[in-house]
């Protein structure tokens, strides 16, 4: 739950507001659930909602988004406290409620993203410097909450200590404000550097966002070509580090610290970095990751009509090559075992297509050449674009080439989904886009290497070979007038 109180000099009592993270609906009391947004982004969004409902409010009290709080609780705890700006805490100094004047939200909304939401002293220093006034720390009669669990009751992830990154970004921000008289003009940089699909989603989000706090994005060196290829409005900042391993051997917090060191003192002292890696489980909702990124950047996303599933992405394009032979480009490697299309299926697909004299090209799969496919290497976005444009259809798993072909190029695409949810990373459905999967109830399982139900290293949720072949011929016939 997300909660707040709106105070006005016109009333002796505050108005109460309770919200919840949306599970897919867009009701008035629901706020978009974004896995890429820091808790401070929710403080900002709660403030927006309250000021819209209570335009005469002169100060707001907003509960810590890490905690499931109700407005009634806030009102009880704050009864009799001073009207000045303060942060109310438990006995250990963990922030429970932020009470700030209206100008903190009207003039300094984006700086809310920099709050630690775990260290009241640090947050008092930060916003005290921003507002130019002391912010009191009010200790409530509440026992110490103790350490944060791996997953909090309000849904925040901390199994690898990643929430510690919020304290680091807060400390860096406080240092900038202390040393730079022109700190209000310092740019905000979103920290969402990896993997290739991450960079693509943020680039597409930057184009669609109507409101944005950011002008820069941290990007791993391997993917520096992606922002420009995707038309990003964010200036890429090169991070000379390999992307973080998916095996959990390096924590998100540790990698964030290394990233700041590698970016260097000049970058760290001249940019406000906001940690926007996975902070909530994105697949708990049907929201697309592009929309997760848009909310993190600053868009409110208050209706379905504003989502990528409603508005689509790029205009649709088609291949200019003669329809015979039909040319189909496949990308089948998903980054982990259960996201890679099963080998027996693809061998069957290649055999059926070659029997119909279809040219089959696969990206980075020389092992499939003996089955009749041509394997090609795609090392950058420009090469991938040329490959896609040279084929009538693109067929791919949930990975960068799939998203680039559809969300950036608008190419006729068939998405192959196994243990990831299509709604989180597919595209708007229509004549030139569809997905092939069995919609099994176990999706999304969250596993990587072995199916938790069957003990297999491949995913049975993928559409079978005959379905994919039928989908290819149906789309080719409808779009290009192809007949086998």
Protein backbone atom coordinates (compact mmCIF):
# COMPACT_ATOMS: atom_id res chain seq x y z
CA UNK A 1 0.00 0.00 0.00
CA UNK A 2 0.97 3.62 -0.61
CA UNK A 3 -0.42 6.31 1.64
CA UNK A 4 -0.39 10.05 2.19
CA UNK A 5 -1.97 12.97 3.99
CA UNK A 6 -2.64 16.42 2.52
CA UNK A 7 -2.56 19.34 4.96
CA UNK A 8 -4.07 22.74 4.25
CA UNK A 9 -4.29 25.93 6.30
CA UNK A 10 -7.99 25.93 5.43
CA UNK A 11 -8.68 22.76 7.41
CA UNK A 12 -7.84 21.55 10.88
CA UNK A 13 -7.61 17.95 9.68
CA UNK A 14 -5.61 16.39 6.87
CA UNK A 15 -7.23 14.62 3.96
CA UNK A 16 -6.42 10.92 3.72
CA UNK A 17 -5.30 9.15 0.54
CA UNK A 18 -4.64 5.44 0.07
CA UNK A 19 -3.27 3.86 -3.10
CA UNK A 20 -2.03 0.46 -4.17
CA UNK A 21 0.30 -0.89 -6.83
CA UNK A 22 -1.75 -1.73 -9.89
CA UNK A 23 -1.92 -5.38 -10.90
CA UNK A 24 -3.13 -4.43 -14.36
CA UNK A 25 -6.09 -2.11 -13.88
CA UNK A 26 -6.06 1.69 -13.98
CA UNK A 27 -8.44 2.65 -11.17
CA UNK A 28 -8.18 5.97 -9.37
CA UNK A 29 -6.67 4.36 -6.29
CA UNK A 30 -4.05 2.39 -8.26
CA UNK A 31 -0.57 3.51 -9.31
CA UNK A 32 1.39 1.88 -12.12
CA UNK A 33 3.65 -0.93 -10.90
CA UNK A 34 7.11 -0.34 -12.37
CA UNK A 35 9.97 -2.72 -11.60
CA UNK A 36 12.47 -0.05 -12.68
CA UNK A 37 11.32 2.82 -10.46
CA UNK A 38 13.04 3.72 -7.21
CA UNK A 39 10.84 4.19 -4.13
CA UNK A 40 11.27 7.94 -4.41
CA UNK A 41 9.49 7.81 -7.76
CA UNK A 42 6.43 6.55 -5.87
CA UNK A 43 6.70 9.37 -3.34
CA UNK A 44 6.59 11.73 -6.32
CA UNK A 45 3.61 9.94 -7.89
CA UNK A 46 1.63 9.83 -4.64
CA UNK A 47 2.29 13.57 -4.29
CA UNK A 48 1.04 14.18 -7.84
CA UNK A 49 -2.17 12.30 -7.15
CA UNK A 50 -2.79 14.09 -3.85
CA UNK A 51 -2.09 17.57 -5.22
CA UNK A 52 -4.45 16.88 -8.10
CA UNK A 53 -7.19 15.96 -5.62
CA UNK A 54 -6.24 18.62 -3.05
CA UNK A 55 -4.83 21.61 -4.98
CA UNK A 56 -4.96 23.83 -1.88
CA UNK A 57 -2.59 21.60 0.13
CA UNK A 58 0.44 23.40 1.53
CA UNK A 59 2.31 20.34 2.86
CA UNK A 60 2.14 16.60 2.35
CA UNK A 61 2.94 13.58 4.49
CA UNK A 62 3.79 10.47 2.46
CA UNK A 63 4.53 7.01 3.82
CA UNK A 64 7.74 5.20 2.93
CA UNK A 65 6.91 3.16 -0.21
CA UNK A 66 8.98 0.25 1.12
CA UNK A 67 6.30 -0.29 3.77
CA UNK A 68 2.60 -1.23 3.43
CA UNK A 69 1.07 1.77 5.20
CA UNK A 70 -2.39 3.32 5.47
CA UNK A 71 -3.24 7.00 5.68
CA UNK A 72 -5.04 6.40 8.96
CA UNK A 73 -1.83 5.08 10.49
CA UNK A 74 0.11 8.13 9.32
CA UNK A 75 -2.49 10.47 10.81
CA UNK A 76 -2.32 8.71 14.18
CA UNK A 77 1.47 8.74 14.31
CA UNK A 78 1.77 12.37 13.24
CA UNK A 79 -0.93 13.77 15.52
CA UNK A 80 0.55 16.57 17.59
CA UNK A 81 3.84 16.80 15.67
CA UNK A 82 5.28 20.12 14.58
CA UNK A 83 4.07 21.56 11.26
CA UNK A 84 7.58 22.08 9.92
CA UNK A 85 9.32 19.68 7.53
CA UNK A 86 10.29 16.43 9.20
CA UNK A 87 10.95 12.76 8.66
CA UNK A 88 9.25 10.50 11.18
CA UNK A 89 11.19 7.33 11.99
CA UNK A 90 11.09 4.15 14.02
CA UNK A 91 13.38 3.74 17.02
CA UNK A 92 16.35 2.86 14.79
CA UNK A 93 16.08 5.88 12.50
CA UNK A 94 14.40 4.06 9.62
CA UNK A 95 12.15 6.59 7.80
CA UNK A 96 8.43 5.92 8.11
CA UNK A 97 6.81 9.15 6.93
CA UNK A 98 8.13 12.11 4.91
CA UNK A 99 6.46 15.43 5.81
CA UNK A 100 7.52 18.13 3.37
CA UNK A 101 6.23 21.53 2.24
CA UNK A 102 4.50 21.81 -1.08
CA UNK A 103 7.47 23.43 -2.79
CA UNK A 104 9.41 20.20 -2.29
CA UNK A 105 7.02 18.60 -4.78
CA UNK A 106 6.31 21.57 -7.03
CA UNK A 107 9.92 22.71 -7.48
CA UNK A 108 12.07 19.71 -6.61
CA UNK A 109 10.00 16.70 -7.62
CA UNK A 110 12.81 14.91 -9.46
CA UNK A 111 15.09 15.08 -6.41
CA UNK A 112 12.69 12.77 -4.58
CA UNK A 113 14.14 9.97 -6.72
CA UNK A 114 17.45 10.38 -4.88
CA UNK A 115 16.11 9.56 -1.40
CA UNK A 116 17.65 6.58 0.37
CA UNK A 117 14.28 5.67 2.02
CA UNK A 118 16.35 3.71 4.58
CA UNK A 119 18.43 6.31 6.41
CA UNK A 120 16.50 9.25 7.83
CA UNK A 121 19.64 11.23 8.66
CA UNK A 122 20.89 10.98 5.09
CA UNK A 123 17.48 11.95 3.71
CA UNK A 124 17.22 14.90 6.13
CA UNK A 125 20.62 16.15 4.97
CA UNK A 126 19.69 15.74 1.31
CA UNK A 127 16.36 17.55 1.38
CA UNK A 128 17.54 20.04 3.96
CA UNK A 129 20.20 21.12 1.44
CA UNK A 130 17.64 21.18 -1.36
CA UNK A 131 15.08 23.26 0.55
CA UNK A 132 17.62 25.41 2.36
CA UNK A 133 16.15 24.63 5.77
CA UNK A 134 16.60 22.15 8.59
CA UNK A 135 14.49 19.01 8.44
CA UNK A 136 13.76 17.51 11.82
CA UNK A 137 13.92 13.81 12.60
CA UNK A 138 10.90 12.80 14.68
CA UNK A 139 11.20 9.44 16.43
CA UNK A 140 7.86 7.68 16.67
CA UNK A 141 6.88 5.23 19.38
CA UNK A 142 7.52 2.33 17.02
CA UNK A 143 9.98 -0.51 17.57
CA UNK A 144 12.89 -0.87 15.19
CA UNK A 145 11.84 -2.64 12.02
CA UNK A 146 15.11 -4.55 11.75
CA UNK A 147 16.83 -5.47 8.50
CA UNK A 148 15.02 -5.44 5.19
CA UNK A 149 13.87 -8.91 4.04
CA UNK A 150 14.81 -10.41 0.65
CA UNK A 151 11.39 -9.33 -0.57
CA UNK A 152 9.46 -6.79 1.45
CA UNK A 153 5.75 -6.92 2.16
CA UNK A 154 5.27 -4.06 -0.31
CA UNK A 155 7.07 -6.01 -3.04
CA UNK A 156 10.56 -4.49 -3.07
CA UNK A 157 13.45 -6.87 -3.83
CA UNK A 158 16.53 -6.94 -1.63
CA UNK A 159 17.79 -10.50 -1.73
CA UNK A 160 21.25 -9.37 -2.85
CA UNK A 161 21.21 -6.13 -0.88
CA UNK A 162 20.42 -4.08 -3.98
CA UNK A 163 18.44 -1.50 -1.99
CA UNK A 164 21.76 -0.37 -0.51
CA UNK A 165 22.33 1.28 -3.89
CA UNK A 166 19.72 3.86 -2.91
CA UNK A 167 21.86 4.96 0.00
CA UNK A 168 24.84 5.33 -2.30
CA UNK A 169 22.93 7.45 -4.82
CA UNK A 170 21.63 9.62 -1.95
CA UNK A 171 25.14 10.20 -0.57
CA UNK A 172 26.48 11.07 -4.02
CA UNK A 173 23.63 13.54 -4.57
CA UNK A 174 24.24 15.23 -1.22
CA UNK A 175 27.91 15.63 -2.14
CA UNK A 176 27.05 17.29 -5.45
CA UNK A 177 24.67 19.75 -3.81
CA UNK A 178 27.26 20.62 -1.18
CA UNK A 179 30.05 21.26 -3.68
CA UNK A 180 28.19 22.70 -6.68
CA UNK A 181 26.35 26.01 -6.35
CA UNK A 182 24.65 25.33 -9.67
CA UNK A 183 23.36 21.92 -8.54
CA UNK A 184 19.82 22.53 -9.79
CA UNK A 185 21.14 22.39 -13.35
CA UNK A 186 23.04 19.12 -12.88
CA UNK A 187 21.58 16.45 -15.22
CA UNK A 188 19.92 13.24 -14.07
CA UNK A 189 21.25 9.95 -15.49
CA UNK A 190 19.21 6.77 -15.33
CA UNK A 191 21.28 3.75 -14.33
CA UNK A 192 19.93 0.91 -16.48
CA UNK A 193 22.98 -0.26 -18.39
CA UNK A 194 22.41 -3.92 -19.24
CA UNK A 195 21.47 -6.13 -21.01
CA UNK A 196 20.93 -5.26 -24.71
CA UNK A 197 17.16 -5.54 -24.31
CA UNK A 198 17.29 -3.27 -21.25
CA UNK A 199 19.01 -0.55 -23.25
CA UNK A 200 16.51 -0.94 -26.10
CA UNK A 201 13.48 -0.75 -23.82
CA UNK A 202 14.80 2.41 -22.16
CA UNK A 203 15.55 3.96 -25.56
CA UNK A 204 12.01 3.26 -26.82
CA UNK A 205 10.60 4.54 -23.51
CA UNK A 206 12.55 7.80 -23.83
CA UNK A 207 10.88 8.42 -27.20
CA UNK A 208 7.40 7.74 -25.87
CA UNK A 209 7.67 9.50 -22.49
CA UNK A 210 5.69 12.73 -22.29
CA UNK A 211 7.42 13.68 -19.03
CA UNK A 212 10.99 12.79 -18.13
CA UNK A 213 13.31 13.60 -15.26
CA UNK A 214 16.33 12.34 -17.19
CA UNK A 215 18.63 13.45 -19.98
CA UNK A 216 21.23 10.64 -19.81
CA UNK A 217 21.48 6.84 -19.49
CA UNK A 218 24.38 4.70 -18.32
CA UNK A 219 25.11 2.04 -20.98
CA UNK A 220 27.61 -0.81 -20.97
CA UNK A 221 30.33 -0.43 -23.62
CA UNK A 222 29.12 -3.47 -25.55
CA UNK A 223 25.81 -1.78 -26.27
CA UNK A 224 26.80 1.79 -27.07
CA UNK A 225 25.42 1.49 -30.61
CA UNK A 226 21.91 0.63 -29.39
CA UNK A 227 20.63 4.02 -28.14
CA UNK A 228 21.30 5.78 -31.44
CA UNK A 229 19.96 2.84 -33.46
CA UNK A 230 16.75 2.99 -31.42
CA UNK A 231 16.39 6.77 -31.59
CA UNK A 232 16.92 7.32 -27.86
CA UNK A 233 16.44 10.81 -26.48
CA UNK A 234 18.85 10.03 -23.65
CA UNK A 235 22.54 10.76 -24.02
CA UNK A 236 24.43 7.48 -23.47
CA UNK A 237 27.19 7.43 -20.86
CA UNK A 238 29.75 4.73 -21.61
CA UNK A 239 30.27 2.22 -18.79
CA UNK A 240 33.47 0.28 -19.41
CA UNK A 241 32.35 -2.88 -17.66
CA UNK A 242 31.03 -6.19 -18.99
CA UNK A 243 27.33 -6.59 -18.30
CA UNK A 244 26.42 -8.22 -15.01
CA UNK A 245 26.18 -12.00 -14.98
CA UNK A 246 22.71 -13.52 -14.61
CA UNK A 247 24.01 -16.20 -12.22
CA UNK A 248 23.84 -13.93 -9.16
CA UNK A 249 27.57 -14.17 -8.49
CA UNK A 250 27.77 -10.35 -8.31
CA UNK A 251 25.12 -8.39 -6.45
CA UNK A 252 23.36 -5.44 -8.05
CA UNK A 253 24.69 -3.17 -5.29
CA UNK A 254 28.27 -4.34 -5.79
CA UNK A 255 28.01 -3.84 -9.54
CA UNK A 256 26.50 -0.37 -9.06
CA UNK A 257 29.43 0.61 -6.84
CA UNK A 258 31.90 -0.70 -9.41
CA UNK A 259 30.03 1.15 -12.14
CA UNK A 260 30.33 4.48 -10.32
CA UNK A 261 34.05 3.87 -9.78
CA UNK A 262 34.55 3.00 -13.44
CA UNK A 263 32.57 6.04 -14.62
CA UNK A 264 35.05 8.15 -12.67
CA UNK A 265 35.02 11.12 -10.29
CA UNK A 266 34.21 13.67 -12.96
CA UNK A 267 31.06 11.84 -14.05
CA UNK A 268 29.98 11.03 -10.49
CA UNK A 269 30.34 14.64 -9.35
CA UNK A 270 28.56 16.12 -12.37
CA UNK A 271 25.53 13.83 -12.69
CA UNK A 272 22.76 12.66 -10.39
CA UNK A 273 22.64 8.89 -10.91
CA UNK A 274 19.37 7.07 -10.17
CA UNK A 275 19.55 3.31 -9.67
CA UNK A 276 16.88 1.81 -11.96
CA UNK A 277 17.68 -1.86 -12.09
CA UNK A 278 15.05 -4.47 -11.19
CA UNK A 279 13.59 -3.33 -7.86
CA UNK A 280 10.28 -5.21 -8.06
CA UNK A 281 9.20 -8.38 -9.89
CA UNK A 282 8.21 -7.07 -13.30
CA UNK A 283 6.32 -10.20 -14.36
CA UNK A 284 3.75 -9.97 -11.55
CA UNK A 285 1.76 -7.61 -13.77
CA UNK A 286 0.82 -7.53 -17.49
CA UNK A 287 2.69 -4.26 -18.03
CA UNK A 288 5.30 -4.09 -20.80
CA UNK A 289 8.89 -3.35 -19.79
CA UNK A 290 8.87 -0.29 -22.06
CA UNK A 291 6.05 1.07 -19.90
CA UNK A 292 7.96 0.11 -16.74
CA UNK A 293 10.79 2.27 -18.08
CA UNK A 294 8.48 5.13 -19.07
CA UNK A 295 7.09 5.33 -15.53
CA UNK A 296 10.62 5.29 -14.11
CA UNK A 297 11.53 8.19 -16.40
CA UNK A 298 8.59 10.26 -15.16
CA UNK A 299 5.43 9.37 -17.11
CA UNK A 300 2.38 8.84 -14.85
CA UNK A 301 0.77 6.12 -17.06
CA UNK A 302 -2.73 6.55 -15.70
CA UNK A 303 -4.70 4.75 -18.43
CA UNK A 304 -4.46 1.77 -20.74
CA UNK A 305 -4.70 4.09 -23.72
CA UNK A 306 -1.25 5.42 -22.85
CA UNK A 307 0.49 2.03 -22.77
CA UNK A 308 2.58 0.56 -25.54
CA UNK A 309 0.04 -2.21 -26.10
CA UNK A 310 -2.49 0.49 -26.98
CA UNK A 311 -0.34 2.91 -28.96
CA UNK A 312 2.14 0.51 -30.59
CA UNK A 313 5.65 1.61 -31.46
CA UNK A 314 7.20 2.23 -34.86
CA UNK A 315 5.24 2.41 -38.16
CA UNK A 316 5.08 -1.00 -39.82
CA UNK A 317 7.48 -1.87 -42.65
CA UNK A 318 7.85 -4.81 -45.02
CA UNK A 319 10.55 -6.49 -47.08
CA UNK A 320 11.09 -5.30 -50.68
CA UNK A 321 12.64 -8.57 -51.86
CA UNK A 322 10.68 -10.78 -54.31
CA UNK A 323 8.39 -13.06 -52.36
CA UNK A 324 9.93 -16.20 -53.87
CA UNK A 325 11.98 -17.51 -52.38
CA UNK A 326 10.39 -16.57 -49.07
CA UNK A 327 13.14 -15.49 -46.69
CA UNK A 328 12.77 -16.04 -42.92
CA UNK A 329 15.27 -14.85 -40.28
CA UNK A 330 15.40 -16.67 -36.94
CA UNK A 331 16.96 -15.76 -33.60
CA UNK A 332 16.68 -18.66 -31.14
CA UNK A 333 19.15 -17.98 -28.31
CA UNK A 334 17.47 -16.46 -25.29
CA UNK A 335 20.36 -15.92 -22.89
CA UNK A 336 19.55 -18.93 -20.70
CA UNK A 337 18.50 -22.52 -21.28
CA UNK A 338 14.74 -22.19 -20.73
CA UNK A 339 14.52 -19.09 -22.94
CA UNK A 340 16.20 -20.80 -25.89
CA UNK A 341 13.87 -22.40 -28.42
CA UNK A 342 14.09 -26.23 -28.18
CA UNK A 343 16.51 -27.81 -30.63
CA UNK A 344 14.20 -30.62 -31.85
CA UNK A 345 11.50 -28.05 -32.66
CA UNK A 346 13.77 -25.81 -34.71
CA UNK A 347 15.25 -28.72 -36.64
CA UNK A 348 11.73 -29.75 -37.61
CA UNK A 349 10.86 -26.15 -38.60
CA UNK A 350 13.97 -25.81 -40.76
CA UNK A 351 13.26 -29.11 -42.46
CA UNK A 352 9.65 -28.17 -43.25
CA UNK A 353 10.58 -24.73 -44.56
CA UNK A 354 13.45 -26.01 -46.69
CA UNK A 355 11.14 -28.66 -48.14
CA UNK A 356 8.91 -25.76 -49.27
CA UNK A 357 11.98 -24.00 -50.76
CA UNK A 358 12.02 -21.28 -48.10
CA UNK A 359 15.37 -19.64 -47.39
CA UNK A 360 16.13 -19.99 -43.67
CA UNK A 361 18.71 -17.82 -41.91
CA UNK A 362 19.63 -18.19 -38.24
CA UNK A 363 21.59 -15.69 -36.14
CA UNK A 364 24.68 -17.12 -34.40
CA UNK A 365 23.74 -20.79 -34.77
CA UNK A 366 26.36 -22.54 -36.94
CA UNK A 367 25.20 -25.85 -35.45
CA UNK A 368 22.00 -25.54 -37.51
CA UNK A 369 23.74 -25.30 -40.88
CA UNK A 370 23.70 -29.10 -41.23
CA UNK A 371 19.90 -28.91 -40.87
CA UNK A 372 19.70 -26.60 -43.90
CA UNK A 373 19.89 -23.11 -42.41
CA UNK A 374 22.41 -20.37 -43.16
CA UNK A 375 24.07 -19.07 -40.00
CA UNK A 376 25.07 -15.39 -39.85
CA UNK A 377 26.78 -13.25 -37.26
CA UNK A 378 25.17 -10.04 -36.00
CA UNK A 379 27.64 -8.00 -33.97
CA UNK A 380 25.84 -4.65 -33.87
CA UNK A 381 22.51 -2.95 -34.49
CA UNK A 382 23.42 -1.82 -38.00
CA UNK A 383 24.17 -5.39 -39.09
CA UNK A 384 20.99 -6.64 -37.48
CA UNK A 385 18.95 -4.00 -39.29
CA UNK A 386 20.40 -5.06 -42.66
CA UNK A 387 19.68 -8.71 -41.93
CA UNK A 388 16.09 -8.04 -40.91
CA UNK A 389 15.46 -5.86 -43.99
CA UNK A 390 16.75 -8.66 -46.21
CA UNK A 391 14.08 -11.10 -44.94
CA UNK A 392 10.31 -11.16 -45.25
CA UNK A 393 9.66 -12.35 -41.70
CA UNK A 394 11.52 -12.33 -38.41
CA UNK A 395 10.93 -15.16 -35.93
CA UNK A 396 12.60 -14.91 -32.55
CA UNK A 397 12.63 -15.63 -28.86
CA UNK A 398 12.27 -12.97 -26.16
CA UNK A 399 15.60 -11.20 -26.76
CA UNK A 400 17.16 -8.10 -28.28
CA UNK A 401 16.83 -9.01 -31.99
CA UNK A 402 13.11 -9.71 -31.51
CA UNK A 403 12.52 -6.37 -29.77
CA UNK A 404 14.64 -4.48 -32.30
CA UNK A 405 12.86 -6.04 -35.27
CA UNK A 406 9.42 -5.26 -33.91
CA UNK A 407 9.57 -2.30 -31.51
CA UNK A 408 12.17 -0.31 -33.45
CA UNK A 409 11.79 -1.44 -37.07
CA UNK A 410 8.11 -2.40 -37.11
CA UNK A 411 8.95 -5.58 -39.05
CA UNK A 412 6.58 -8.54 -39.56
CA UNK A 413 7.48 -10.66 -36.54
CA UNK A 414 6.48 -13.89 -34.83
CA UNK A 415 7.55 -13.97 -31.18
CA UNK A 416 8.50 -17.25 -29.53
CA UNK A 417 7.80 -17.26 -25.81
CA UNK A 418 8.57 -20.03 -23.35
CA UNK A 419 9.19 -19.29 -19.69
CA UNK A 420 8.84 -15.49 -19.99
CA UNK A 421 5.48 -13.73 -20.23
CA UNK A 422 4.65 -12.27 -23.64
CA UNK A 423 2.80 -9.29 -22.16
CA UNK A 424 6.03 -8.02 -20.55
CA UNK A 425 8.08 -7.92 -23.74
CA UNK A 426 5.93 -8.55 -26.80
CA UNK A 427 4.41 -5.86 -29.03
CA UNK A 428 1.00 -4.61 -30.08
CA UNK A 429 -0.80 -7.48 -31.81
CA UNK A 430 -2.08 -7.07 -35.35
CA UNK A 431 -1.58 -8.17 -38.93
CA UNK A 432 2.20 -8.04 -38.69
CA UNK A 433 2.77 -9.33 -35.16
CA UNK A 434 1.79 -12.44 -33.27
CA UNK A 435 3.29 -14.79 -30.70
CA UNK A 436 3.50 -18.54 -30.51
CA UNK A 437 3.21 -20.18 -27.09
CA UNK A 438 0.85 -22.52 -25.24
CA UNK A 439 -0.21 -20.11 -22.44
CA UNK A 440 0.60 -22.68 -19.77
CA UNK A 441 -0.33 -21.75 -16.21
CA UNK A 442 3.28 -22.22 -15.04
CA UNK A 443 4.40 -19.22 -17.12
CA UNK A 444 6.32 -17.29 -15.76
CA UNK A 445 8.16 -19.84 -13.62
CA UNK A 446 11.21 -17.69 -12.87
CA UNK A 447 13.61 -20.58 -13.53
CA UNK A 448 16.67 -20.34 -15.76
CA UNK A 449 18.38 -23.67 -16.34
CA UNK A 450 15.94 -26.44 -15.43
CA UNK A 451 12.14 -26.65 -15.63
CA UNK A 452 10.95 -26.76 -11.98
CA UNK A 453 8.00 -28.99 -12.92
CA UNK A 454 9.48 -31.51 -15.36
CA UNK A 455 13.21 -31.28 -14.66
CA UNK A 456 13.97 -30.55 -18.33
CA UNK A 457 16.44 -28.06 -19.76
CA UNK A 458 13.93 -26.84 -22.34
CA UNK A 459 10.52 -25.19 -21.92
CA UNK A 460 7.36 -26.99 -23.05
CA UNK A 461 5.41 -23.72 -23.18
CA UNK A 462 6.92 -22.89 -26.58
CA UNK A 463 4.61 -23.31 -29.56
CA UNK A 464 5.33 -26.64 -31.28
CA UNK A 465 7.09 -26.75 -34.62
CA UNK A 466 3.95 -27.32 -36.70
CA UNK A 467 2.27 -24.28 -35.15
CA UNK A 468 5.24 -22.02 -35.89
CA UNK A 469 5.44 -23.27 -39.49
CA UNK A 470 1.71 -22.67 -39.95
CA UNK A 471 2.06 -19.17 -38.47
CA UNK A 472 4.92 -18.36 -40.87
CA UNK A 473 2.99 -19.44 -43.96
CA UNK A 474 -0.21 -17.72 -42.80
CA UNK A 475 1.56 -14.38 -42.18
CA UNK A 476 3.57 -14.61 -45.40
CA UNK A 477 0.42 -15.31 -47.40
CA UNK A 478 -1.53 -12.49 -45.83
CA UNK A 479 1.21 -9.85 -46.03
CA UNK A 480 3.04 -10.80 -49.22
CA UNK A 481 0.57 -12.98 -51.13
CA UNK A 482 2.92 -15.93 -50.72
CA UNK A 483 1.82 -19.48 -51.46
CA UNK A 484 4.05 -22.50 -51.02
